[in-house]
Amino acid sequence: MALYVSFFLFICLLTYGLVGIVAERQGHIQKRVHAYFVTNTPSYQIDAVEEELSFYHRVVKPFWVSFKRKYTKRLGKEEASKLEQKLLQAGQPFGFSPVEFKMAKIIFNVVLPLIGGGVGLLLSLNVKVILLIVLLCFGVSIIYPKLFLKNKIQKRSQVAGKELPDILDLLTISLEAGLGFDAALSQVVNKKKGEVIKEFKIALEEMRLGQTRKEALNSINDRLASDELRSLIYNIVQAEKLGIGMVSVLRVQTEEIREYRRQKAEETAMKAPIKMMFPLVLFIFPTLFIILLGPAMIQLIGSF
């Protein structure tokens, strides 16, 4: 047992030492380049400044940046664009970029099986059981990131669907008060918070930077996977193109979204009895049979 623990600690310390040596060497090269080509600051002052920095800024961060730069070159543009779109639709969890998410996934694929194997060794399990645990952990580490992103996208889409009717009501009131669409949208963004508001705020910033309203609104569909929002943006773009009054379009769209939500609620309510059937048959009915028929069976067996 102690031998396994010692071997595990030895591997961890060896990996930590190798990472530190590589990062220290690259940091020394960058320091010399910066001293001779970027600034005229003497090297002894640079050494004094670096000594004040923490170990993370001197060793870990330079190694991470260098490794991320090398991995970026290996990641294909098509794969990076697809992953970036999924991360945007999920709300960019932990602020990850596509490269950082892929690197975190690789680290997760390595660390989780090691943890599973280490727990198996600490519990003194059989070798076959430890291998099975490692394989299960490896499978979980492959499947979980995809499920995590999918779950984040679905939750964000559901939240957007719940927020839209109230946002459209405020937007309609602002338009009826005499504001233009951009000014009304800016007022709504300043008054409310939420996932849809964040996307509208980004769209307003893009319009201020020179994009057309159509381009800025259509880019929201790439960042938020919501059928209601996609339908709303399509109707707004068409209304602007055809010259239809925006207030009437938003009213109709609000009623459609609320009707859609009502239908979804009714559909979920209709599915509830079917979903309740399985726990009833598997758990509740056997318990009822035991309670009701148990005494009768005992008496019947005793009479024979």
Protein backbone atom coordinates (compact mmCIF):
# COMPACT_ATOMS: atom_id res chain seq x y z
CA MET A 1 0.00 0.00 0.00
CA ALA A 2 2.73 2.47 0.98
CA LEU A 3 4.62 1.50 -2.18
CA TYR A 4 1.70 2.54 -4.39
CA VAL A 5 1.31 5.86 -2.57
CA SER A 6 5.02 6.57 -2.83
CA PHE A 7 5.03 5.77 -6.54
CA PHE A 8 2.05 8.07 -7.10
CA LEU A 9 3.71 10.94 -5.22
CA PHE A 10 6.96 10.36 -7.12
CA ILE A 11 5.17 10.67 -10.48
CA CYS A 12 3.41 13.86 -9.39
CA LEU A 13 6.60 15.49 -8.12
CA LEU A 14 8.55 14.45 -11.23
CA THR A 15 5.91 15.98 -13.52
CA TYR A 16 5.85 19.14 -11.42
CA GLY A 17 9.65 19.43 -11.57
CA LEU A 18 9.80 18.95 -15.36
CA VAL A 19 7.10 21.57 -15.90
CA GLY A 20 8.96 24.00 -13.64
CA ILE A 21 12.26 23.49 -15.45
CA VAL A 22 10.75 24.06 -18.90
CA ALA A 23 8.82 27.12 -17.77
CA GLU A 24 11.86 28.59 -16.03
CA ARG A 25 13.99 28.16 -19.15
CA GLN A 26 11.38 29.80 -21.40
CA GLY A 27 10.92 32.62 -18.90
CA HIS A 28 14.68 33.25 -18.87
CA ILE A 29 14.73 33.50 -22.69
CA GLN A 30 11.78 35.90 -22.71
CA LYS A 31 13.47 38.00 -20.04
CA ARG A 32 16.66 38.35 -22.08
CA VAL A 33 14.72 39.24 -25.25
CA HIS A 34 12.70 41.82 -23.36
CA ALA A 35 15.83 43.30 -21.77
CA TYR A 36 17.79 43.71 -25.02
CA PHE A 37 15.12 44.48 -27.63
CA VAL A 38 12.07 45.92 -25.90
CA THR A 39 13.32 48.18 -23.14
CA ASN A 40 16.53 49.64 -21.85
CA THR A 41 15.83 48.64 -18.27
CA PRO A 42 18.92 47.00 -16.72
CA SER A 43 18.75 43.27 -16.17
CA TYR A 44 19.30 43.55 -12.43
CA GLN A 45 16.10 45.64 -12.15
CA ILE A 46 14.20 43.04 -14.15
CA ASP A 47 15.48 40.34 -11.80
CA ALA A 48 14.37 42.40 -8.81
CA VAL A 49 10.89 42.85 -10.31
CA GLU A 50 10.54 39.15 -11.15
CA GLU A 51 11.60 38.16 -7.65
CA GLU A 52 8.60 40.10 -6.34
CA LEU A 53 6.22 38.14 -8.58
CA SER A 54 4.53 34.99 -7.35
CA PHE A 55 5.37 31.49 -8.49
CA TYR A 56 2.22 31.45 -10.62
CA HIS A 57 3.25 34.54 -12.62
CA ARG A 58 6.89 33.42 -12.95
CA VAL A 59 6.44 29.72 -13.82
CA VAL A 60 2.86 28.51 -14.28
CA LYS A 61 1.41 31.37 -16.34
CA PRO A 62 4.29 31.55 -18.92
CA PHE A 63 4.15 27.78 -19.37
CA TRP A 64 0.36 27.88 -19.80
CA VAL A 65 0.53 30.70 -22.37
CA SER A 66 3.26 28.93 -24.34
CA PHE A 67 1.44 25.60 -24.30
CA LYS A 68 -1.83 27.29 -25.34
CA ARG A 69 -0.08 29.02 -28.24
CA LYS A 70 1.35 25.73 -29.50
CA TYR A 71 -1.97 23.92 -29.15
CA THR A 72 -3.80 26.70 -31.03
CA LYS A 73 -1.72 25.95 -34.13
CA ARG A 74 -2.76 22.27 -34.03
CA LEU A 75 -6.48 22.98 -33.62
CA GLY A 76 -8.26 23.21 -36.98
CA LYS A 77 -10.18 26.34 -37.91
CA GLU A 78 -13.42 24.46 -38.63
CA GLU A 79 -13.32 22.57 -35.35
CA ALA A 80 -12.42 25.75 -33.46
CA SER A 81 -15.31 27.69 -35.05
CA LYS A 82 -17.86 24.97 -34.21
CA LEU A 83 -16.61 24.73 -30.64
CA GLU A 84 -16.61 28.50 -30.29
CA GLN A 85 -20.25 28.66 -31.41
CA LYS A 86 -21.24 26.02 -28.84
CA LEU A 87 -19.37 27.87 -26.10
CA LEU A 88 -21.12 31.11 -27.04
CA GLN A 89 -24.50 29.39 -27.00
CA ALA A 90 -23.64 27.95 -23.57
CA GLY A 91 -22.72 31.43 -22.27
CA GLN A 92 -18.96 30.80 -22.32
CA PRO A 93 -18.73 28.80 -19.06
CA PHE A 94 -15.68 29.75 -16.95
CA GLY A 95 -14.74 32.22 -19.71
CA PHE A 96 -13.17 29.42 -21.75
CA SER A 97 -12.04 29.96 -25.33
CA PRO A 98 -12.13 26.94 -27.71
CA VAL A 99 -8.44 26.21 -27.09
CA GLU A 100 -8.80 26.48 -23.32
CA PHE A 101 -11.87 24.23 -23.35
CA LYS A 102 -10.05 21.57 -25.39
CA MET A 103 -7.05 21.76 -23.07
CA ALA A 104 -9.28 21.51 -20.00
CA LYS A 105 -10.97 18.50 -21.57
CA ILE A 106 -7.59 16.80 -22.14
CA ILE A 107 -6.55 17.51 -18.54
CA PHE A 108 -9.89 16.14 -17.33
CA ASN A 109 -9.38 12.99 -19.44
CA VAL A 110 -6.05 12.41 -17.69
CA VAL A 111 -6.81 13.52 -14.14
CA LEU A 112 -10.14 11.71 -13.59
CA PRO A 113 -8.80 8.20 -14.45
CA LEU A 114 -5.75 8.90 -12.25
CA ILE A 115 -8.02 9.87 -9.37
CA GLY A 116 -10.13 6.75 -9.90
CA GLY A 117 -7.03 4.55 -9.99
CA GLY A 118 -5.58 6.28 -6.91
CA VAL A 119 -8.82 5.74 -4.96
CA GLY A 120 -8.80 2.07 -5.99
CA LEU A 121 -5.21 1.68 -4.76
CA LEU A 122 -6.00 3.40 -1.46
CA LEU A 123 -8.95 1.05 -0.93
CA SER A 124 -6.70 -1.97 -1.78
CA LEU A 125 -9.08 -3.23 -4.44
CA ASN A 126 -8.41 -5.98 -6.94
CA VAL A 127 -6.39 -5.11 -10.05
CA LYS A 128 -9.32 -5.95 -12.33
CA VAL A 129 -11.65 -3.73 -10.30
CA ILE A 130 -9.12 -0.88 -10.45
CA LEU A 131 -8.85 -1.25 -14.23
CA LEU A 132 -12.63 -1.21 -14.50
CA ILE A 133 -12.81 1.96 -12.39
CA VAL A 134 -10.14 3.61 -14.56
CA LEU A 135 -12.03 2.70 -17.74
CA LEU A 136 -15.30 4.00 -16.31
CA CYS A 137 -13.65 7.26 -15.25
CA PHE A 138 -12.11 7.62 -18.70
CA GLY A 139 -15.51 7.09 -20.35
CA VAL A 140 -17.11 9.64 -18.02
CA SER A 141 -14.33 12.15 -18.76
CA ILE A 142 -15.04 11.82 -22.50
CA ILE A 143 -18.84 12.04 -22.30
CA TYR A 144 -19.27 14.61 -19.51
CA PRO A 145 -17.87 17.75 -21.30
CA LYS A 146 -20.28 17.24 -24.22
CA LEU A 147 -23.22 16.71 -21.89
CA PHE A 148 -22.13 19.75 -19.85
CA LEU A 149 -22.17 22.00 -22.92
CA LYS A 150 -25.48 20.56 -24.16
CA ASN A 151 -27.10 21.08 -20.75
CA LYS A 152 -25.81 24.66 -20.56
CA ILE A 153 -27.19 25.43 -24.04
CA GLN A 154 -30.61 23.98 -23.19
CA LYS A 155 -30.86 25.83 -19.87
CA ARG A 156 -29.85 29.12 -21.49
CA SER A 157 -32.44 28.59 -24.24
CA GLN A 158 -35.17 27.90 -21.66
CA VAL A 159 -34.24 31.00 -19.67
CA ALA A 160 -34.34 33.09 -22.85
CA GLY A 161 -37.82 31.77 -23.69
CA LYS A 162 -39.09 32.77 -20.23
CA GLU A 163 -37.56 36.26 -20.42
CA LEU A 164 -38.76 37.20 -23.90
CA PRO A 165 -42.46 38.09 -23.25
CA ASP A 166 -41.67 40.63 -20.52
CA ILE A 167 -38.86 42.15 -22.60
CA LEU A 168 -41.17 42.47 -25.61
CA ASP A 169 -43.83 44.16 -23.47
CA LEU A 170 -41.34 46.78 -22.31
CA LEU A 171 -40.03 47.19 -25.84
CA THR A 172 -43.57 47.68 -27.20
CA ILE A 173 -44.39 50.28 -24.53
CA SER A 174 -41.19 52.18 -25.33
CA LEU A 175 -42.00 52.17 -29.04
CA GLU A 176 -45.54 53.39 -28.38
CA ALA A 177 -44.08 56.22 -26.30
CA GLY A 178 -42.38 57.56 -29.45
CA LEU A 179 -38.85 56.13 -29.23
CA GLY A 180 -37.10 54.54 -32.17
CA PHE A 181 -36.26 50.87 -32.13
CA ASP A 182 -32.60 51.34 -31.16
CA ALA A 183 -33.45 53.87 -28.43
CA ALA A 184 -36.25 51.66 -27.09
CA LEU A 185 -33.96 48.64 -27.06
CA SER A 186 -31.32 50.68 -25.23
CA GLN A 187 -33.89 51.66 -22.57
CA VAL A 188 -34.96 48.05 -22.08
CA VAL A 189 -31.32 46.93 -21.79
CA ASN A 190 -30.69 49.54 -19.09
CA LYS A 191 -33.79 48.55 -17.10
CA LYS A 192 -33.63 44.75 -17.10
CA LYS A 193 -31.12 41.92 -16.73
CA GLY A 194 -30.91 38.41 -18.12
CA GLU A 195 -29.49 36.27 -20.90
CA VAL A 196 -31.52 37.94 -23.67
CA ILE A 197 -30.59 41.38 -22.35
CA LYS A 198 -26.89 40.47 -22.53
CA GLU A 199 -27.25 39.51 -26.19
CA PHE A 200 -29.20 42.67 -27.03
CA LYS A 201 -26.51 44.72 -25.29
CA ILE A 202 -23.84 43.09 -27.48
CA ALA A 203 -26.00 43.76 -30.56
CA LEU A 204 -26.27 47.45 -29.62
CA GLU A 205 -22.50 47.68 -29.22
CA GLU A 206 -22.05 46.08 -32.64
CA MET A 207 -24.46 48.59 -34.19
CA ARG A 208 -22.51 51.44 -32.61
CA LEU A 209 -19.34 50.01 -34.15
CA GLY A 210 -20.84 50.17 -37.65
CA GLN A 211 -22.79 46.96 -38.24
CA THR A 212 -26.28 47.15 -39.65
CA ARG A 213 -29.26 46.28 -37.51
CA LYS A 214 -29.87 43.13 -39.54
CA GLU A 215 -26.31 41.86 -39.09
CA ALA A 216 -26.24 42.66 -35.38
CA LEU A 217 -29.57 40.95 -34.70
CA ASN A 218 -28.76 37.91 -36.84
CA SER A 219 -25.50 37.43 -34.94
CA ILE A 220 -27.60 36.85 -31.81
CA ASN A 221 -28.83 33.58 -33.34
CA ASP A 222 -25.23 32.33 -33.35
CA ARG A 223 -24.80 33.10 -29.66
CA LEU A 224 -28.18 31.96 -28.31
CA ALA A 225 -30.01 28.83 -29.50
CA SER A 226 -33.65 29.79 -28.93
CA ASP A 227 -36.46 29.16 -31.42
CA GLU A 228 -38.58 31.99 -29.98
CA LEU A 229 -35.74 34.50 -30.26
CA ARG A 230 -34.88 33.31 -33.77
CA SER A 231 -38.50 33.83 -34.85
CA LEU A 232 -38.57 37.28 -33.21
CA ILE A 233 -35.39 38.42 -34.97
CA TYR A 234 -36.67 37.12 -38.31
CA ASN A 235 -39.93 39.06 -37.93
CA ILE A 236 -38.13 42.25 -36.88
CA VAL A 237 -35.81 42.06 -39.89
CA GLN A 238 -38.71 41.40 -42.25
CA ALA A 239 -40.76 44.24 -40.74
CA GLU A 240 -37.88 46.65 -41.26
CA LYS A 241 -37.40 45.42 -44.81
CA LEU A 242 -41.08 45.68 -45.78
CA GLY A 243 -41.81 48.86 -43.82
CA ILE A 244 -44.37 47.30 -41.46
CA GLY A 245 -45.06 48.96 -38.10
CA MET A 246 -42.77 47.53 -35.46
CA VAL A 247 -45.33 47.85 -32.65
CA SER A 248 -47.88 45.58 -34.31
CA VAL A 249 -45.18 43.03 -35.14
CA LEU A 250 -43.97 42.93 -31.53
CA ARG A 251 -47.52 42.57 -30.19
CA VAL A 252 -48.24 39.63 -32.46
CA GLN A 253 -44.88 38.09 -31.61
CA THR A 254 -45.51 38.46 -27.87
CA GLU A 255 -48.88 36.72 -28.17
CA GLU A 256 -47.31 33.92 -30.23
CA ILE A 257 -44.53 33.37 -27.68
CA ARG A 258 -46.99 33.26 -24.78
CA GLU A 259 -49.22 30.86 -26.73
CA TYR A 260 -46.20 28.69 -27.51
CA ARG A 261 -45.23 28.61 -23.83
CA ARG A 262 -48.81 27.67 -22.90
CA GLN A 263 -48.79 24.81 -25.41
CA LYS A 264 -45.43 23.59 -24.10
CA ALA A 265 -46.80 23.63 -20.54
CA GLU A 266 -49.86 21.64 -21.62
CA GLU A 267 -47.65 19.17 -23.47
CA THR A 268 -45.49 18.70 -20.37
CA ALA A 269 -48.62 18.19 -18.23
CA MET A 270 -49.92 15.54 -20.64
CA LYS A 271 -46.61 13.66 -20.44
CA ALA A 272 -46.64 13.61 -16.63
CA PRO A 273 -48.99 10.56 -16.19
CA ILE A 274 -46.91 8.49 -18.60
CA LYS A 275 -43.70 9.39 -16.77
CA MET A 276 -45.31 8.59 -13.41
CA MET A 277 -46.31 5.11 -14.56
CA PHE A 278 -42.78 3.66 -14.36
CA PRO A 279 -42.05 4.58 -10.71
CA LEU A 280 -45.60 3.50 -9.80
CA VAL A 281 -45.16 0.06 -11.36
CA LEU A 282 -41.59 -0.47 -10.14
CA PHE A 283 -41.71 0.95 -6.60
CA ILE A 284 -45.19 1.85 -5.32
CA PHE A 285 -47.34 -1.06 -6.55
CA PRO A 286 -45.04 -3.80 -5.15
CA THR A 287 -45.05 -2.06 -1.77
CA LEU A 288 -48.86 -1.83 -1.79
CA PHE A 289 -49.18 -5.51 -2.72
CA ILE A 290 -46.86 -6.49 0.12
CA ILE A 291 -48.83 -4.41 2.65
CA LEU A 292 -52.27 -5.49 1.47
CA LEU A 293 -51.67 -9.12 0.50
CA GLY A 294 -48.87 -9.91 2.96
CA PRO A 295 -51.07 -10.72 5.99
CA ALA A 296 -53.47 -12.76 3.85
CA MET A 297 -50.59 -14.80 2.42
CA ILE A 298 -49.19 -15.42 5.90
CA GLN A 299 -52.59 -16.66 7.14
CA LEU A 300 -53.01 -18.80 4.00
CA ILE A 301 -49.59 -20.39 4.50
CA GLY A 302 -50.34 -20.98 8.20
CA SER A 303 -53.65 -22.70 7.45
CA PHE A 304 -51.92 -25.23 5.20
